[in-house]
Amino acid sequence: MQQQSEGRKIHGVAEHAREGGEARFALSLLNEAMRMYSKENDDLGFAEAITSGVLSLRHLAQEADDVRYLIFAKHWAEAAVEIAEKSGQKDALALPYQRLGSVNAELEEWGKAAENFGKAVQFMQSNPPKPHDRPAVLADMKVHLSFAEYMNGDKTARERLDHAAEEVKDSDEATYNKDVWYSGALMKKAEMLHEDDPQASQEALQNAKEIIDGNSDLKKRREQWEKLNARLGA
């Protein structure tokens, strides 16, 4: 088995810190991971560390309800895309485009979100990064793409989101990931159908709650569900 690089080791600790609710600590660790990736001349790792930082900044934006963190996150994501493109490694592009699309979506830049999610799906299909080359990862990307397309005015995207969500649900993905991604897909469905189909929106919201309530590890997802539930006036 190939020995893990120092950059990867630090990066892994940062991921656990973020998922444990320590976004600020995760960002400091990621800065160190990027320093090590630079020494190791690892373009893919460097870009992935930046995309991980985007997630931490998004968490800070949600906690503080401060759009400035999102603007900062968008520029981090754009930097990750630029670094990945300059590296010439096609397998380095899917995740940066996915993260950029996610920030676009939170800023309600739906056209840009759909464009960047579309690029993420294309690169995941043509040049998937080996650590993430799994059917559920691609299906989750398709959920995000369909959501952005619907919010950008393409109502046919509803069926595509349903299909992608079922692919996540029926996958062999680890339980934690599956529960996070499938509940997230249902929450996206609830949000996008809030005005167009209130009954389906409420059903999706409650189905997401059942998944979250059944997995005590989904602390962050539970917080996100409560905020969405309040926002939708349920």
C-alpha atoms as a PDB file:
ATOM      1  CA  MET A   1       0.000   0.000   0.000  1.00  0.00           C
ATOM      2  CA  GLN A   2       1.326   3.424  -0.965  1.00  0.00           C
ATOM      3  CA  GLN A   3       2.325   5.542   2.030  1.00  0.00           C
ATOM      4  CA  GLN A   4       0.150   8.583   2.574  1.00  0.00           C
ATOM      5  CA  SER A   5       1.870  11.933   2.029  1.00  0.00           C
ATOM      6  CA  GLU A   6       2.199  14.500   4.804  1.00  0.00           C
ATOM      7  CA  GLY A   7      -0.179  16.790   2.944  1.00  0.00           C
ATOM      8  CA  ARG A   8      -2.817  14.030   2.783  1.00  0.00           C
ATOM      9  CA  LYS A   9      -2.409  13.226   6.483  1.00  0.00           C
ATOM     10  CA  ILE A  10      -2.959  16.836   7.545  1.00  0.00           C
ATOM     11  CA  HIS A  11      -5.774  17.192   5.043  1.00  0.00           C
ATOM     12  CA  GLY A  12      -7.512  14.171   6.568  1.00  0.00           C
ATOM     13  CA  VAL A  13      -7.312  15.681  10.064  1.00  0.00           C
ATOM     14  CA  ALA A  14      -8.811  18.912   8.672  1.00  0.00           C
ATOM     15  CA  GLU A  15     -11.737  16.994   7.169  1.00  0.00           C
ATOM     16  CA  HIS A  16     -12.534  15.410  10.535  1.00  0.00           C
ATOM     17  CA  ALA A  17     -12.237  18.771  12.272  1.00  0.00           C
ATOM     18  CA  ARG A  18     -14.728  20.367   9.882  1.00  0.00           C
ATOM     19  CA  GLU A  19     -17.219  17.520  10.196  1.00  0.00           C
ATOM     20  CA  GLY A  20     -16.848  17.797  13.965  1.00  0.00           C
ATOM     21  CA  GLY A  21     -17.994  21.406  13.816  1.00  0.00           C
ATOM     22  CA  GLU A  22     -14.536  22.993  14.074  1.00  0.00           C
ATOM     23  CA  ALA A  23     -14.496  24.950  10.824  1.00  0.00           C
ATOM     24  CA  ARG A  24     -11.963  27.538  11.983  1.00  0.00           C
ATOM     25  CA  PHE A  25      -9.505  24.881  13.145  1.00  0.00           C
ATOM     26  CA  ALA A  26     -10.046  23.027   9.858  1.00  0.00           C
ATOM     27  CA  LEU A  27      -9.065  26.133   7.893  1.00  0.00           C
ATOM     28  CA  SER A  28      -5.807  26.504   9.836  1.00  0.00           C
ATOM     29  CA  LEU A  29      -5.005  22.832   9.203  1.00  0.00           C
ATOM     30  CA  LEU A  30      -5.763  23.205   5.506  1.00  0.00           C
ATOM     31  CA  ASN A  31      -3.309  26.084   5.231  1.00  0.00           C
ATOM     32  CA  GLU A  32      -0.644  23.719   6.582  1.00  0.00           C
ATOM     33  CA  ALA A  33      -1.820  20.957   4.226  1.00  0.00           C
ATOM     34  CA  MET A  34      -1.442  23.333   1.279  1.00  0.00           C
ATOM     35  CA  ARG A  35       2.087  24.172   2.407  1.00  0.00           C
ATOM     36  CA  MET A  36       2.948  20.483   2.407  1.00  0.00           C
ATOM     37  CA  TYR A  37       1.235  19.879  -0.943  1.00  0.00           C
ATOM     38  CA  SER A  38       3.328  22.698  -2.371  1.00  0.00           C
ATOM     39  CA  LYS A  39       6.533  21.055  -1.098  1.00  0.00           C
ATOM     40  CA  GLU A  40       5.350  17.732  -2.531  1.00  0.00           C
ATOM     41  CA  ASN A  41       4.431  19.365  -5.870  1.00  0.00           C
ATOM     42  CA  ASP A  42       0.940  17.827  -5.581  1.00  0.00           C
ATOM     43  CA  ASP A  43      -1.399  19.959  -7.702  1.00  0.00           C
ATOM     44  CA  LEU A  44      -4.369  17.662  -7.146  1.00  0.00           C
ATOM     45  CA  GLY A  45      -3.928  17.717  -3.377  1.00  0.00           C
ATOM     46  CA  PHE A  46      -3.456  21.494  -3.340  1.00  0.00           C
ATOM     47  CA  ALA A  47      -6.677  22.049  -5.294  1.00  0.00           C
ATOM     48  CA  GLU A  48      -8.573  19.567  -3.104  1.00  0.00           C
ATOM     49  CA  ALA A  49      -7.376  21.324   0.057  1.00  0.00           C
ATOM     50  CA  ILE A  50      -8.760  24.594  -1.266  1.00  0.00           C
ATOM     51  CA  THR A  51     -12.094  22.950  -2.110  1.00  0.00           C
ATOM     52  CA  SER A  52     -12.200  21.541   1.417  1.00  0.00           C
ATOM     53  CA  GLY A  53     -11.637  25.059   2.709  1.00  0.00           C
ATOM     54  CA  VAL A  54     -14.626  26.185   0.672  1.00  0.00           C
ATOM     55  CA  LEU A  55     -16.797  23.806   2.708  1.00  0.00           C
ATOM     56  CA  SER A  56     -15.432  25.208   5.972  1.00  0.00           C
ATOM     57  CA  LEU A  57     -16.125  28.768   4.833  1.00  0.00           C
ATOM     58  CA  ARG A  58     -19.659  27.759   3.856  1.00  0.00           C
ATOM     59  CA  HIS A  59     -20.177  26.314   7.326  1.00  0.00           C
ATOM     60  CA  LEU A  60     -18.967  29.575   8.857  1.00  0.00           C
ATOM     61  CA  ALA A  61     -21.348  31.503   6.610  1.00  0.00           C
ATOM     62  CA  GLN A  62     -24.249  29.354   7.799  1.00  0.00           C
ATOM     63  CA  GLU A  63     -23.294  29.623  11.471  1.00  0.00           C
ATOM     64  CA  ALA A  64     -22.825  33.392  11.372  1.00  0.00           C
ATOM     65  CA  ASP A  65     -25.487  34.075   8.735  1.00  0.00           C
ATOM     66  CA  ASP A  66     -22.865  36.235   7.027  1.00  0.00           C
ATOM     67  CA  VAL A  67     -22.717  36.397   3.231  1.00  0.00           C
ATOM     68  CA  ARG A  68     -19.150  37.705   3.366  1.00  0.00           C
ATOM     69  CA  TYR A  69     -17.918  34.214   4.135  1.00  0.00           C
ATOM     70  CA  LEU A  70     -19.708  32.982   1.012  1.00  0.00           C
ATOM     71  CA  ILE A  71     -18.070  35.633  -1.154  1.00  0.00           C
ATOM     72  CA  PHE A  72     -14.702  34.586   0.287  1.00  0.00           C
ATOM     73  CA  ALA A  73     -15.594  30.923  -0.382  1.00  0.00           C
ATOM     74  CA  LYS A  74     -16.446  31.704  -4.001  1.00  0.00           C
ATOM     75  CA  HIS A  75     -12.999  33.162  -4.615  1.00  0.00           C
ATOM     76  CA  TRP A  76     -11.356  30.168  -2.958  1.00  0.00           C
ATOM     77  CA  ALA A  77     -13.356  27.881  -5.251  1.00  0.00           C
ATOM     78  CA  GLU A  78     -12.397  29.940  -8.318  1.00  0.00           C
ATOM     79  CA  ALA A  79      -8.746  29.642  -7.257  1.00  0.00           C
ATOM     80  CA  ALA A  80      -9.118  25.856  -6.950  1.00  0.00           C
ATOM     81  CA  VAL A  81     -10.555  25.686 -10.472  1.00  0.00           C
ATOM     82  CA  GLU A  82      -7.735  27.824 -11.881  1.00  0.00           C
ATOM     83  CA  ILE A  83      -5.029  25.761 -10.155  1.00  0.00           C
ATOM     84  CA  ALA A  84      -6.623  22.507 -11.328  1.00  0.00           C
ATOM     85  CA  GLU A  85      -6.911  23.783 -14.908  1.00  0.00           C
ATOM     86  CA  LYS A  86      -3.277  24.941 -14.973  1.00  0.00           C
ATOM     87  CA  SER A  87      -2.097  21.604 -13.609  1.00  0.00           C
ATOM     88  CA  GLY A  88      -3.199  19.849 -16.777  1.00  0.00           C
ATOM     89  CA  GLN A  89      -4.666  17.026 -14.673  1.00  0.00           C
ATOM     90  CA  LYS A  90      -8.178  16.404 -15.935  1.00  0.00           C
ATOM     91  CA  ASP A  91      -8.993  14.343 -12.848  1.00  0.00           C
ATOM     92  CA  ALA A  92      -8.360  17.406 -10.677  1.00  0.00           C
ATOM     93  CA  LEU A  93     -11.258  19.402 -12.137  1.00  0.00           C
ATOM     94  CA  ALA A  94     -14.496  17.719 -11.012  1.00  0.00           C
ATOM     95  CA  LEU A  95     -14.399  18.644  -7.326  1.00  0.00           C
ATOM     96  CA  PRO A  96     -13.340  22.291  -7.736  1.00  0.00           C
ATOM     97  CA  TYR A  97     -16.159  22.875 -10.220  1.00  0.00           C
ATOM     98  CA  GLN A  98     -18.567  21.131  -7.848  1.00  0.00           C
ATOM     99  CA  ARG A  99     -17.554  23.354  -4.939  1.00  0.00           C
ATOM    100  CA  LEU A 100     -17.772  26.493  -7.061  1.00  0.00           C
ATOM    101  CA  GLY A 101     -21.258  25.487  -8.168  1.00  0.00           C
ATOM    102  CA  SER A 102     -22.267  24.959  -4.538  1.00  0.00           C
ATOM    103  CA  VAL A 103     -21.215  28.484  -3.578  1.00  0.00           C
ATOM    104  CA  ASN A 104     -22.960  29.884  -6.666  1.00  0.00           C
ATOM    105  CA  ALA A 105     -26.118  28.094  -5.521  1.00  0.00           C
ATOM    106  CA  GLU A 106     -25.933  29.507  -2.002  1.00  0.00           C
ATOM    107  CA  LEU A 107     -25.535  32.971  -3.513  1.00  0.00           C
ATOM    108  CA  GLU A 108     -28.549  32.166  -5.752  1.00  0.00           C
ATOM    109  CA  GLU A 109     -26.449  32.592  -8.893  1.00  0.00           C
ATOM    110  CA  TRP A 110     -28.466  29.838 -10.526  1.00  0.00           C
ATOM    111  CA  GLY A 111     -27.176  30.147 -14.079  1.00  0.00           C
ATOM    112  CA  LYS A 112     -23.552  29.993 -12.943  1.00  0.00           C
ATOM    113  CA  ALA A 113     -24.372  27.193 -10.521  1.00  0.00           C
ATOM    114  CA  ALA A 114     -25.910  25.078 -13.281  1.00  0.00           C
ATOM    115  CA  GLU A 115     -22.947  25.769 -15.569  1.00  0.00           C
ATOM    116  CA  ASN A 116     -20.349  24.787 -12.964  1.00  0.00           C
ATOM    117  CA  PHE A 117     -22.259  21.755 -11.713  1.00  0.00           C
ATOM    118  CA  GLY A 118     -22.576  20.682 -15.357  1.00  0.00           C
ATOM    119  CA  LYS A 119     -18.798  20.872 -15.784  1.00  0.00           C
ATOM    120  CA  ALA A 120     -18.318  18.905 -12.557  1.00  0.00           C
ATOM    121  CA  VAL A 121     -20.578  16.120 -13.849  1.00  0.00           C
ATOM    122  CA  GLN A 122     -18.807  16.076 -17.221  1.00  0.00           C
ATOM    123  CA  PHE A 123     -15.350  15.771 -15.663  1.00  0.00           C
ATOM    124  CA  MET A 124     -16.588  13.185 -13.166  1.00  0.00           C
ATOM    125  CA  GLN A 125     -17.850  11.092 -16.062  1.00  0.00           C
ATOM    126  CA  SER A 126     -14.823  11.531 -18.320  1.00  0.00           C
ATOM    127  CA  ASN A 127     -11.925  11.919 -15.863  1.00  0.00           C
ATOM    128  CA  PRO A 128     -12.994  10.963 -12.336  1.00  0.00           C
ATOM    129  CA  PRO A 129     -10.512  11.474  -9.496  1.00  0.00           C
ATOM    130  CA  LYS A 130      -9.692   7.972  -8.230  1.00  0.00           C
ATOM    131  CA  PRO A 131     -10.455   8.624  -4.527  1.00  0.00           C
ATOM    132  CA  HIS A 132     -13.983   9.724  -5.499  1.00  0.00           C
ATOM    133  CA  ASP A 133     -14.724   7.439  -8.441  1.00  0.00           C
ATOM    134  CA  ARG A 134     -17.943   5.927  -7.090  1.00  0.00           C
ATOM    135  CA  PRO A 135     -21.489   5.882  -8.527  1.00  0.00           C
ATOM    136  CA  ALA A 136     -23.002   7.696  -5.544  1.00  0.00           C
ATOM    137  CA  VAL A 137     -20.557  10.603  -5.870  1.00  0.00           C
ATOM    138  CA  LEU A 138     -21.610  11.144  -9.487  1.00  0.00           C
ATOM    139  CA  ALA A 139     -25.283  10.751  -8.554  1.00  0.00           C
ATOM    140  CA  ASP A 140     -24.933  13.365  -5.800  1.00  0.00           C
ATOM    141  CA  MET A 141     -23.367  15.745  -8.318  1.00  0.00           C
ATOM    142  CA  LYS A 142     -26.339  15.166 -10.617  1.00  0.00           C
ATOM    143  CA  VAL A 143     -28.699  16.050  -7.747  1.00  0.00           C
ATOM    144  CA  HIS A 144     -26.966  19.409  -7.350  1.00  0.00           C
ATOM    145  CA  LEU A 145     -27.011  20.004 -11.102  1.00  0.00           C
ATOM    146  CA  SER A 146     -30.722  19.206 -11.402  1.00  0.00           C
ATOM    147  CA  PHE A 147     -31.556  21.456  -8.451  1.00  0.00           C
ATOM    148  CA  ALA A 148     -29.683  24.400  -9.983  1.00  0.00           C
ATOM    149  CA  GLU A 149     -31.279  23.803 -13.389  1.00  0.00           C
ATOM    150  CA  TYR A 150     -34.751  23.776 -11.828  1.00  0.00           C
ATOM    151  CA  MET A 151     -34.081  26.958  -9.875  1.00  0.00           C
ATOM    152  CA  ASN A 152     -32.803  28.512 -13.100  1.00  0.00           C
ATOM    153  CA  GLY A 153     -36.167  27.852 -14.761  1.00  0.00           C
ATOM    154  CA  ASP A 154     -35.878  24.341 -16.228  1.00  0.00           C
ATOM    155  CA  LYS A 155     -38.869  22.530 -14.691  1.00  0.00           C
ATOM    156  CA  THR A 156     -37.976  19.263 -16.452  1.00  0.00           C
ATOM    157  CA  ALA A 157     -35.060  18.977 -14.014  1.00  0.00           C
ATOM    158  CA  ARG A 158     -37.465  17.690 -11.341  1.00  0.00           C
ATOM    159  CA  GLU A 159     -37.475  14.207 -12.868  1.00  0.00           C
ATOM    160  CA  ARG A 160     -33.696  14.216 -13.203  1.00  0.00           C
ATOM    161  CA  LEU A 161     -33.312  15.124  -9.540  1.00  0.00           C
ATOM    162  CA  ASP A 162     -35.662  12.304  -8.507  1.00  0.00           C
ATOM    163  CA  HIS A 163     -33.715   9.816 -10.627  1.00  0.00           C
ATOM    164  CA  ALA A 164     -30.336  10.943  -9.273  1.00  0.00           C
ATOM    165  CA  ALA A 165     -31.642  10.845  -5.683  1.00  0.00           C
ATOM    166  CA  GLU A 166     -32.781   7.252  -6.183  1.00  0.00           C
ATOM    167  CA  GLU A 167     -29.324   6.380  -7.516  1.00  0.00           C
ATOM    168  CA  VAL A 168     -27.853   7.689  -4.278  1.00  0.00           C
ATOM    169  CA  LYS A 169     -30.406   5.791  -2.192  1.00  0.00           C
ATOM    170  CA  ASP A 170     -29.811   2.494  -4.030  1.00  0.00           C
ATOM    171  CA  SER A 171     -26.011   2.766  -4.074  1.00  0.00           C
ATOM    172  CA  ASP A 172     -23.487   0.761  -2.060  1.00  0.00           C
ATOM    173  CA  GLU A 173     -22.098   3.947  -0.541  1.00  0.00           C
ATOM    174  CA  ALA A 174     -21.170   4.010   3.145  1.00  0.00           C
ATOM    175  CA  THR A 175     -24.200   4.625   5.367  1.00  0.00           C
ATOM    176  CA  TYR A 176     -23.086   8.035   6.613  1.00  0.00           C
ATOM    177  CA  ASN A 177     -22.458   9.401   3.114  1.00  0.00           C
ATOM    178  CA  LYS A 178     -25.645   7.885   1.758  1.00  0.00           C
ATOM    179  CA  ASP A 179     -27.761   9.375   4.542  1.00  0.00           C
ATOM    180  CA  VAL A 180     -26.139  12.790   4.176  1.00  0.00           C
ATOM    181  CA  TRP A 181     -26.501  12.885   0.390  1.00  0.00           C
ATOM    182  CA  TYR A 182     -29.984  11.373   0.163  1.00  0.00           C
ATOM    183  CA  SER A 183     -31.390  13.615   2.899  1.00  0.00           C
ATOM    184  CA  GLY A 184     -29.729  16.538   1.139  1.00  0.00           C
ATOM    185  CA  ALA A 185     -31.399  15.585  -2.127  1.00  0.00           C
ATOM    186  CA  LEU A 186     -34.792  15.487  -0.411  1.00  0.00           C
ATOM    187  CA  MET A 187     -34.164  18.884   1.165  1.00  0.00           C
ATOM    188  CA  LYS A 188     -33.294  20.319  -2.226  1.00  0.00           C
ATOM    189  CA  LYS A 189     -36.516  18.869  -3.608  1.00  0.00           C
ATOM    190  CA  ALA A 190     -38.466  20.427  -0.744  1.00  0.00           C
ATOM    191  CA  GLU A 191     -36.904  23.816  -1.389  1.00  0.00           C
ATOM    192  CA  MET A 192     -37.375  23.883  -5.141  1.00  0.00           C
ATOM    193  CA  LEU A 193     -41.001  22.662  -5.008  1.00  0.00           C
ATOM    194  CA  HIS A 194     -42.050  24.915  -2.134  1.00  0.00           C
ATOM    195  CA  GLU A 195     -44.157  27.138  -4.387  1.00  0.00           C
ATOM    196  CA  ASP A 196     -44.773  24.871  -7.387  1.00  0.00           C
ATOM    197  CA  ASP A 197     -45.937  21.766  -5.475  1.00  0.00           C
ATOM    198  CA  PRO A 198     -46.339  22.443  -1.725  1.00  0.00           C
ATOM    199  CA  GLN A 199     -47.580  18.937  -0.932  1.00  0.00           C
ATOM    200  CA  ALA A 200     -44.602  17.239  -2.574  1.00  0.00           C
ATOM    201  CA  SER A 201     -42.335  19.777  -0.896  1.00  0.00           C
ATOM    202  CA  GLN A 202     -43.653  18.866   2.557  1.00  0.00           C
ATOM    203  CA  GLU A 203     -43.412  15.147   1.846  1.00  0.00           C
ATOM    204  CA  ALA A 204     -39.773  15.515   0.808  1.00  0.00           C
ATOM    205  CA  LEU A 205     -39.016  17.607   3.896  1.00  0.00           C
ATOM    206  CA  GLN A 206     -40.541  15.012   6.229  1.00  0.00           C
ATOM    207  CA  ASN A 207     -38.803  12.131   4.458  1.00  0.00           C
ATOM    208  CA  ALA A 208     -35.505  13.942   4.939  1.00  0.00           C
ATOM    209  CA  LYS A 209     -36.298  14.362   8.633  1.00  0.00           C
ATOM    210  CA  GLU A 210     -36.898  10.619   9.029  1.00  0.00           C
ATOM    211  CA  ILE A 211     -33.441   9.879   7.626  1.00  0.00           C
ATOM    212  CA  ILE A 212     -31.780  12.512   9.800  1.00  0.00           C
ATOM    213  CA  ASP A 213     -33.615  11.367  12.936  1.00  0.00           C
ATOM    214  CA  GLY A 214     -32.481   7.807  12.234  1.00  0.00           C
ATOM    215  CA  ASN A 215     -28.771   8.676  12.182  1.00  0.00           C
ATOM    216  CA  SER A 216     -27.370  10.468  15.237  1.00  0.00           C
ATOM    217  CA  ASP A 217     -24.156  11.292  13.344  1.00  0.00           C
ATOM    218  CA  LEU A 218     -25.936  13.764  11.045  1.00  0.00           C
ATOM    219  CA  LYS A 219     -25.540  16.729  13.396  1.00  0.00           C
ATOM    220  CA  LYS A 220     -24.702  19.283  10.725  1.00  0.00           C
ATOM    221  CA  ARG A 221     -27.460  18.036   8.432  1.00  0.00           C
ATOM    222  CA  ARG A 222     -29.950  18.293  11.339  1.00  0.00           C
ATOM    223  CA  GLU A 223     -29.042  21.954  11.851  1.00  0.00           C
ATOM    224  CA  GLN A 224     -29.461  22.591   8.122  1.00  0.00           C
ATOM    225  CA  TRP A 225     -32.850  20.832   8.122  1.00  0.00           C
ATOM    226  CA  GLU A 226     -34.116  22.951  11.017  1.00  0.00           C
ATOM    227  CA  LYS A 227     -33.115  26.153   9.243  1.00  0.00           C
ATOM    228  CA  LEU A 228     -34.744  25.029   5.994  1.00  0.00           C
ATOM    229  CA  ASN A 229     -37.903  23.971   7.830  1.00  0.00           C
ATOM    230  CA  ALA A 230     -38.137  27.402   9.466  1.00  0.00           C
ATOM    231  CA  ARG A 231     -37.430  29.179   6.181  1.00  0.00           C
ATOM    232  CA  LEU A 232     -40.117  27.263   4.327  1.00  0.00           C
ATOM    233  CA  GLY A 233     -42.589  28.142   7.052  1.00  0.00           C
ATOM    234  CA  ALA A 234     -43.421  24.536   7.798  1.00  0.00           C
END
